[in-house]
Protein backbone atom coordinates (compact mmCIF):
# COMPACT_ATOMS: atom_id res chain seq x y z
CA MET A 1 63.26 33.37 17.28
CA THR A 2 59.68 34.60 17.76
CA LYS A 3 56.87 32.43 19.11
CA GLN A 4 55.22 32.30 15.64
CA GLN A 5 58.48 31.07 14.09
CA GLU A 6 58.76 28.41 16.77
CA LEU A 7 55.30 27.12 15.83
CA GLY A 8 56.13 27.18 12.15
CA VAL A 9 53.54 29.92 11.42
CA GLU A 10 54.37 32.49 8.76
CA ASN A 11 52.77 35.89 8.33
CA ILE A 12 50.83 35.89 5.05
CA LEU A 13 50.48 39.70 4.92
CA SER A 14 52.57 42.33 6.60
CA GLN A 15 50.94 45.15 8.56
CA GLU A 16 51.70 47.57 5.76
CA GLU A 17 50.03 45.31 3.16
CA ILE A 18 46.95 44.94 5.36
CA ASN A 19 46.66 48.75 5.68
CA ASP A 20 46.91 49.14 1.87
CA LEU A 21 44.17 46.50 1.33
CA LEU A 22 41.77 48.15 3.78
CA ALA A 23 42.35 51.52 2.13
CA ALA A 24 41.61 50.03 -1.32
CA ILE A 25 38.35 48.53 -0.08
CA ALA A 26 37.30 51.81 1.53
CA SER A 27 38.01 53.75 -1.69
CA GLY A 28 36.10 51.23 -3.86
CA GLU A 29 39.13 50.03 -5.81
CA VAL A 30 38.33 46.45 -4.64
CA ASP A 31 34.69 45.27 -5.10
CA ILE A 32 34.20 42.54 -2.49
CA GLU A 33 30.48 42.05 -3.36
CA SER A 34 31.16 41.04 -6.96
CA GLU A 35 33.88 38.70 -5.81
CA ALA A 36 31.46 37.08 -3.31
CA GLU A 37 28.88 36.62 -6.10
CA ASP A 38 31.51 35.03 -8.35
CA GLU A 39 32.47 32.68 -5.54
CA ALA A 40 28.82 31.75 -4.90
CA ALA A 41 28.30 31.10 -8.61
CA LYS A 42 31.15 28.58 -8.56
CA HIS A 43 29.31 26.55 -5.90
CA ARG A 44 25.80 26.92 -7.34
CA ASP A 45 25.91 23.52 -9.07
CA LEU A 46 27.11 21.70 -5.97
CA ASN A 47 24.69 19.29 -4.28
CA ARG A 48 24.22 19.28 -0.54
CA LEU A 49 25.93 16.32 1.10
CA ASP A 50 24.05 14.69 3.94
CA LEU A 51 26.24 12.23 5.83
CA PHE A 52 23.23 10.59 7.46
CA ARG A 53 21.17 9.93 4.32
CA GLY A 54 22.05 8.38 0.99
CA GLN A 55 22.23 10.61 -2.08
CA THR A 56 19.27 8.69 -3.57
CA SER A 57 16.31 6.88 -2.10
CA ALA A 58 17.89 3.61 -3.23
CA LYS A 59 19.67 3.36 0.10
CA TRP A 60 16.30 3.21 1.84
CA ARG A 61 14.87 0.51 -0.38
CA ILE A 62 14.69 -3.04 0.92
CA ALA A 63 15.44 -5.75 -1.64
CA ASN A 64 12.69 -8.36 -2.08
CA PHE A 65 10.37 -6.60 0.35
CA ASP A 66 7.83 -6.64 -2.48
CA ILE A 67 7.56 -10.41 -1.94
CA ILE A 68 6.16 -9.77 1.55
CA LEU A 69 3.82 -7.10 0.23
CA ASP A 70 2.48 -9.32 -2.57
CA ALA A 71 1.87 -12.14 -0.08
CA PHE A 72 0.00 -9.67 2.13
CA ALA A 73 -2.12 -8.59 -0.85
CA ARG A 74 -3.06 -12.22 -1.59
CA ASN A 75 -3.95 -12.90 2.05
CA ASN A 76 -6.06 -9.77 2.29
CA GLY A 77 -7.82 -10.56 -1.00
CA ILE A 78 -8.98 -13.89 0.46
CA THR A 79 -10.12 -12.21 3.67
CA LEU A 80 -12.15 -9.63 1.77
CA ALA A 81 -13.62 -12.31 -0.50
CA ASN A 82 -14.98 -14.04 2.60
CA ARG A 83 -16.50 -10.80 3.82
CA PHE A 84 -17.95 -9.69 0.45
CA ARG A 85 -19.02 -13.25 -0.51
CA GLN A 86 -17.48 -12.72 -3.96
CA SER A 87 -14.14 -12.40 -5.68
CA ALA A 88 -12.00 -9.54 -4.37
CA SER A 89 -8.80 -8.12 -5.82
CA VAL A 90 -6.03 -6.51 -3.76
CA LYS A 91 -3.04 -5.28 -5.77
CA ARG A 92 0.11 -3.42 -4.77
CA VAL A 93 0.31 -0.25 -6.84
CA SER A 94 3.37 1.53 -5.41
CA LEU A 95 6.20 1.35 -2.89
CA GLU A 96 7.65 4.70 -1.82
CA ASN A 97 10.06 6.22 0.71
CA GLU A 98 9.68 9.62 2.33
CA SER A 99 9.88 11.32 5.69
CA PHE A 100 6.99 11.02 8.11
CA GLU A 101 6.44 14.78 8.10
CA THR A 102 6.23 14.90 4.30
CA PHE A 103 3.82 11.98 4.24
CA LEU A 104 1.45 13.63 6.75
CA GLN A 105 1.54 16.89 4.77
CA ASP A 106 0.49 15.01 1.63
CA LEU A 107 -2.27 13.20 3.53
CA GLN A 108 -4.85 15.90 2.89
CA GLU A 109 -7.75 13.77 1.61
CA GLN A 110 -10.17 12.37 4.14
CA ALA A 111 -9.23 8.91 5.37
CA VAL A 112 -9.51 6.55 8.32
CA ILE A 113 -6.07 6.16 9.90
CA GLY A 114 -5.40 3.12 12.03
CA ILE A 115 -2.41 3.19 14.39
CA ILE A 116 -0.93 -0.31 14.51
CA ARG A 117 1.75 -1.82 16.71
CA PHE A 118 4.32 -4.40 15.59
CA GLU A 119 5.27 -6.13 18.83
CA GLN A 120 8.42 -7.95 17.69
CA LEU A 121 9.54 -5.02 15.52
CA ARG A 122 9.19 -2.68 18.52
CA SER A 123 7.59 -0.08 16.33
CA ALA A 124 4.29 1.50 15.38
CA GLY A 125 2.90 2.03 11.91
CA LEU A 126 -0.18 3.29 10.09
CA MET A 127 -2.92 1.53 8.16
CA ILE A 128 -5.01 3.95 6.08
CA PHE A 129 -8.37 3.38 4.36
CA ASP A 130 -9.40 6.15 1.98
CA TYR A 131 -13.02 7.33 2.18
CA PRO A 132 -14.33 5.38 -0.87
CA LEU A 133 -13.04 2.13 0.64
CA SER A 134 -14.28 3.05 4.13
CA PHE A 135 -17.86 3.78 3.05
CA CYS A 136 -17.95 0.72 0.75
CA LEU A 137 -16.89 -1.52 3.63
CA LEU A 138 -19.51 0.04 5.88
CA GLU A 139 -22.18 -0.50 3.23
CA VAL A 140 -21.44 -4.23 3.06
CA MET A 141 -21.00 -4.71 6.81
CA LEU A 142 -24.30 -2.98 7.56
CA GLY A 143 -26.33 -5.17 5.22
CA GLY A 144 -25.81 -3.57 1.82
CA THR A 145 -24.57 -5.31 -1.32
CA SER A 146 -21.47 -4.89 -3.43
CA GLU A 147 -23.46 -5.55 -6.62
CA THR A 148 -24.62 -1.94 -6.84
CA GLY A 149 -22.55 1.19 -6.61
CA VAL A 150 -22.01 2.84 -3.24
CA SER A 151 -22.64 6.56 -2.86
CA ILE A 152 -19.76 8.30 -1.07
CA PRO A 153 -21.20 11.08 1.13
CA ASP A 154 -19.36 14.36 1.50
CA ARG A 155 -18.93 14.24 5.26
CA GLU A 156 -16.64 12.89 7.95
CA LEU A 157 -17.14 9.44 9.34
CA THR A 158 -18.86 9.28 12.70
CA ALA A 159 -17.22 7.74 15.75
CA ILE A 160 -19.59 4.75 15.49
CA GLU A 161 -18.64 4.17 11.84
CA VAL A 162 -14.94 4.33 12.69
CA ASN A 163 -15.47 1.74 15.44
CA VAL A 164 -17.23 -0.56 12.96
CA LEU A 165 -14.23 -0.37 10.61
CA LYS A 166 -11.87 -1.44 13.40
CA SER A 167 -12.88 -5.09 12.91
CA VAL A 168 -11.71 -4.93 9.29
CA MET A 169 -8.43 -3.33 10.35
CA GLN A 170 -7.87 -6.14 12.86
CA GLU A 171 -8.26 -8.66 10.03
CA VAL A 172 -5.72 -6.71 7.96
CA CYS A 173 -3.28 -6.99 10.90
CA GLN A 174 -3.69 -10.78 10.84
CA ASP A 175 -3.05 -10.85 7.08
CA TRP A 176 0.15 -8.88 7.65
CA ASP A 177 1.33 -11.38 10.29
CA LYS A 178 0.83 -14.26 7.84
CA ALA A 179 2.77 -12.49 5.11
CA PHE A 180 5.68 -11.71 7.45
CA ARG A 181 5.83 -15.26 8.82
CA PRO A 182 8.64 -16.49 6.46
CA LEU A 183 10.91 -13.91 8.12
CA GLU A 184 9.69 -13.95 11.71
CA GLU A 185 6.61 -14.65 13.78
CA ILE A 186 5.22 -11.23 14.67
CA GLU A 187 2.05 -9.99 16.32
CA THR A 188 0.42 -6.94 14.80
CA SER A 189 -2.44 -5.21 16.62
CA LEU A 190 -4.63 -2.17 16.11
CA VAL A 191 -4.10 0.46 18.83
CA GLN A 192 -6.70 3.01 17.75
CA ALA A 193 -8.31 4.61 14.69
CA GLU A 194 -8.40 8.32 13.89
CA ILE A 195 -9.60 10.61 11.11
CA ASN A 196 -7.35 13.56 12.05
CA PRO A 197 -3.74 13.20 10.75
CA ARG A 198 -2.51 15.53 13.53
CA LEU A 199 -3.32 12.85 16.11
CA VAL A 200 -1.06 10.13 14.65
CA ASN A 201 2.44 11.34 15.52
CA ILE A 202 3.93 7.89 16.04
CA VAL A 203 7.55 8.85 15.20
CA THR A 204 9.66 11.98 14.88
CA PRO A 205 8.97 14.15 11.79
CA ASP A 206 12.27 13.30 10.06
CA THR A 207 11.86 9.51 10.39
CA ASP A 208 12.10 7.70 7.05
CA MET A 209 8.98 5.67 6.26
CA VAL A 210 8.27 2.83 3.84
CA ILE A 211 4.89 3.54 2.21
CA SER A 212 3.01 0.74 0.42
CA ARG A 213 -0.20 1.52 -1.45
CA PHE A 214 -2.77 -1.11 -2.48
CA SER A 215 -5.83 -0.86 -4.71
CA ILE A 216 -8.89 -2.85 -3.65
CA LYS A 217 -11.82 -3.88 -5.86
CA ALA A 218 -14.77 -6.22 -5.37
CA GLY A 219 -17.77 -5.82 -7.64
CA ASN A 220 -18.52 -2.10 -7.71
CA ILE A 221 -16.56 -1.57 -4.51
CA PHE A 222 -13.22 0.15 -4.91
CA GLY A 223 -10.72 2.11 -2.86
CA GLN A 224 -7.14 2.36 -1.68
CA MET A 225 -5.38 1.07 1.42
CA THR A 226 -1.96 2.33 2.52
CA MET A 227 0.50 0.70 4.92
CA VAL A 228 3.14 2.99 6.47
CA ILE A 229 6.06 1.41 8.35
CA PRO A 230 9.22 3.09 9.75
CA PHE A 231 12.34 2.12 7.86
CA PHE A 232 14.23 1.40 11.07
CA ALA A 233 11.70 -1.34 11.94
CA LEU A 234 12.44 -3.19 8.69
CA GLU A 235 16.18 -2.47 8.48
CA PRO A 236 17.20 -5.50 10.62
CA TYR A 237 15.67 -7.74 7.94
CA LYS A 238 17.45 -6.18 4.94
CA GLU A 239 20.19 -8.79 4.75
CA LYS A 240 17.79 -11.62 5.49
CA LEU A 241 15.52 -10.53 2.65
CA LYS A 242 18.44 -9.94 0.31
CA ASN A 243 20.35 -13.15 0.91
CA ARG A 244 17.86 -15.72 2.17
CA MET A 245 14.37 -14.90 0.99
CA PHE A 246 14.66 -16.58 -2.38
CA ASP A 247 16.50 -19.50 -0.80
CA VAL A 248 13.62 -20.03 1.62
CA ILE A 249 11.13 -20.07 -1.22
CA ALA A 250 13.32 -22.35 -3.34
CA ASP A 251 14.01 -24.80 -0.51
CA SER A 252 10.36 -25.12 0.38
CA GLY A 253 9.31 -25.30 -3.25
CA GLY A 254 6.77 -22.59 -2.49
CA GLN A 255 5.13 -24.87 0.06
CA ALA A 256 4.77 -22.13 2.66
CA TRP A 257 2.82 -19.91 0.28
CA THR A 258 0.86 -22.84 -1.15
CA GLN A 259 -0.15 -24.12 2.28
CA SER A 260 -1.15 -20.64 3.40
CA LEU A 261 -3.31 -20.19 0.31
CA LYS A 262 -4.82 -23.66 0.75
CA ASP A 263 -5.68 -22.97 4.39
CA GLU A 264 -7.44 -19.74 3.46
CA LEU A 265 -9.32 -21.34 0.56
CA LEU A 266 -10.66 -24.04 2.87
CA ARG A 267 -12.21 -21.29 4.99
CA VAL A 268 -14.05 -19.61 2.09
CA ARG A 269 -17.81 -19.80 2.59
CA THR A 270 -19.94 -21.09 -0.30
CA GLU A 271 -23.67 -21.45 -0.96
CA ALA A 272 -25.00 -25.02 -1.04
CA SER A 273 -28.57 -25.92 -2.05
CA ALA A 274 -30.55 -29.18 -2.27
CA VAL A 275 -32.36 -29.46 -5.62
CA PHE A 276 -35.26 -31.92 -5.82
CA ALA A 277 -36.44 -31.27 -9.36
CA SER A 278 -35.82 -29.07 -12.37
CA PHE A 279 -37.92 -28.55 -15.47
CA PRO A 280 -38.18 -26.07 -18.36
CA LEU A 281 -40.88 -23.41 -18.51
CA THR A 282 -41.55 -20.83 -21.17
CA ILE A 283 -41.77 -17.15 -20.31
CA ARG A 284 -45.50 -17.25 -21.10
CA GLU A 285 -46.04 -20.17 -18.71
CA ILE A 286 -44.16 -18.39 -15.94
CA LEU A 287 -46.19 -15.21 -16.44
CA ASN A 288 -49.43 -17.21 -16.28
CA LEU A 289 -48.57 -18.90 -12.95
CA LYS A 290 -50.82 -17.96 -10.04
CA SER A 291 -51.46 -19.02 -6.48
CA GLY A 292 -52.86 -22.57 -6.24
CA ASP A 293 -51.40 -23.86 -9.53
CA VAL A 294 -49.92 -27.38 -9.40
CA ILE A 295 -46.86 -28.19 -11.48
CA GLU A 296 -46.51 -31.86 -12.31
CA LEU A 297 -43.00 -33.34 -12.39
CA ASP A 298 -42.13 -35.91 -15.03
CA GLY A 299 -40.36 -39.14 -14.17
CA ASP A 300 -39.10 -40.50 -10.85
CA SER A 301 -39.36 -37.86 -8.10
CA GLY A 302 -36.03 -38.97 -6.60
CA LYS A 303 -34.08 -39.26 -9.83
CA SER A 304 -32.94 -35.63 -10.13
CA GLN A 305 -32.27 -34.90 -6.50
CA TYR A 306 -28.78 -33.46 -5.97
CA LEU A 307 -26.76 -31.08 -3.81
CA ALA A 308 -25.45 -28.03 -5.68
CA VAL A 309 -22.49 -25.89 -4.58
CA GLU A 310 -22.58 -22.39 -6.05
CA ASP A 311 -25.30 -23.64 -8.46
CA ARG A 312 -23.11 -26.51 -9.73
CA PRO A 313 -24.29 -30.13 -9.07
CA LYS A 314 -21.73 -31.89 -6.84
CA PHE A 315 -23.48 -34.77 -4.95
CA LYS A 316 -26.42 -37.12 -5.56
CA VAL A 317 -28.79 -37.09 -2.58
CA VAL A 318 -32.00 -38.60 -1.24
CA ALA A 319 -34.47 -36.46 0.70
CA GLY A 320 -35.78 -37.53 4.07
CA VAL A 321 -36.33 -36.51 7.70
CA LYS A 322 -33.89 -36.65 10.64
CA ASN A 323 -34.63 -35.56 14.22
CA GLY A 324 -37.86 -34.01 13.04
CA LYS A 325 -36.13 -31.86 10.43
CA ARG A 326 -36.01 -32.25 6.68
CA ALA A 327 -32.61 -33.46 5.50
CA VAL A 328 -30.76 -35.04 2.59
CA ARG A 329 -28.44 -38.04 2.57
CA ILE A 330 -25.44 -37.92 0.22
CA ILE A 331 -25.40 -41.05 -1.99
CA ASP A 332 -22.57 -40.40 -4.41
CA ARG A 333 -20.36 -37.71 -5.90
CA ILE A 334 -21.35 -36.39 -9.31
CA SER A 335 -18.53 -36.80 -11.82
CA THR A 336 -17.21 -33.91 -13.90
CA ASP A 337 -18.79 -35.37 -17.06
CA GLU A 338 -22.20 -35.65 -15.38
CA GLU A 339 -21.83 -32.15 -13.96
CA THR A 340 -21.25 -30.65 -17.41
CA GLY A 341 -23.84 -32.92 -19.05
CA GLY A 342 -21.17 -34.81 -21.00
């Protein structure tokens, strides 16, 4: 018995058959190229199988993560309202998944890119302000107003302007911490800000990223903010979000979100003014007013004194002096009927 027979190996072709096949190929009787094309055509409709990635992006989606993102949008809307001194809207417009390399290649428009660190998540991420939002924020922070449109110059931001925007990015980090609090107490911080995408290589090019885009509007101010977080940083919370997130909200009756919103509302700044008299004037009378004119007030001078909050009467007051400064003493709260003139 030969060694091949001992191993159970059989010869498929004899030596003579191999010689005949080689001769047929050399003479052109067998066309190996057409056979290779036919074989390739059979596999043309086959999809590439990647054992490390799912066949769809669904594998990289995190159930209920939109709850965290919507909470972040609400928190950031309150923060911006305090800064703009008017109502601000922050809305999530998309949630995407793609590799870090692909994301950077698509990031061709000018933007301010903040590199942020999530301490407890042991990961870094990106916070991106597009140029319309960046220049609008700068306009307000440097004394402008959001009531009029902001001109977006066709130039790069200066290093000083980028440094000014860092304070806003720090506030965004705090809003993110508040939104993530139902899952875990984390500490997010801004590491640095750049305008060159080539300087923000925080992970390897093939790392899967979770990309959340938000639209921001306040008055005539508008723009887009993008949060980019590695999938591996959020993956430990997939089961917690899937199985417990709604239970947490149901058990607390929404108290966590309500309390957070209440705390932020109590910090909103408002305009208060002491009003000592009010009277009607015609347009003609106003146009005829000049320096030195005296306007007589009808009735008791103390009758109509009140404290207004955002131009709405809220408290009855009496004017006086305290510690050498003019002041008002609150006498009573104005009821809703009195406020509306009912």
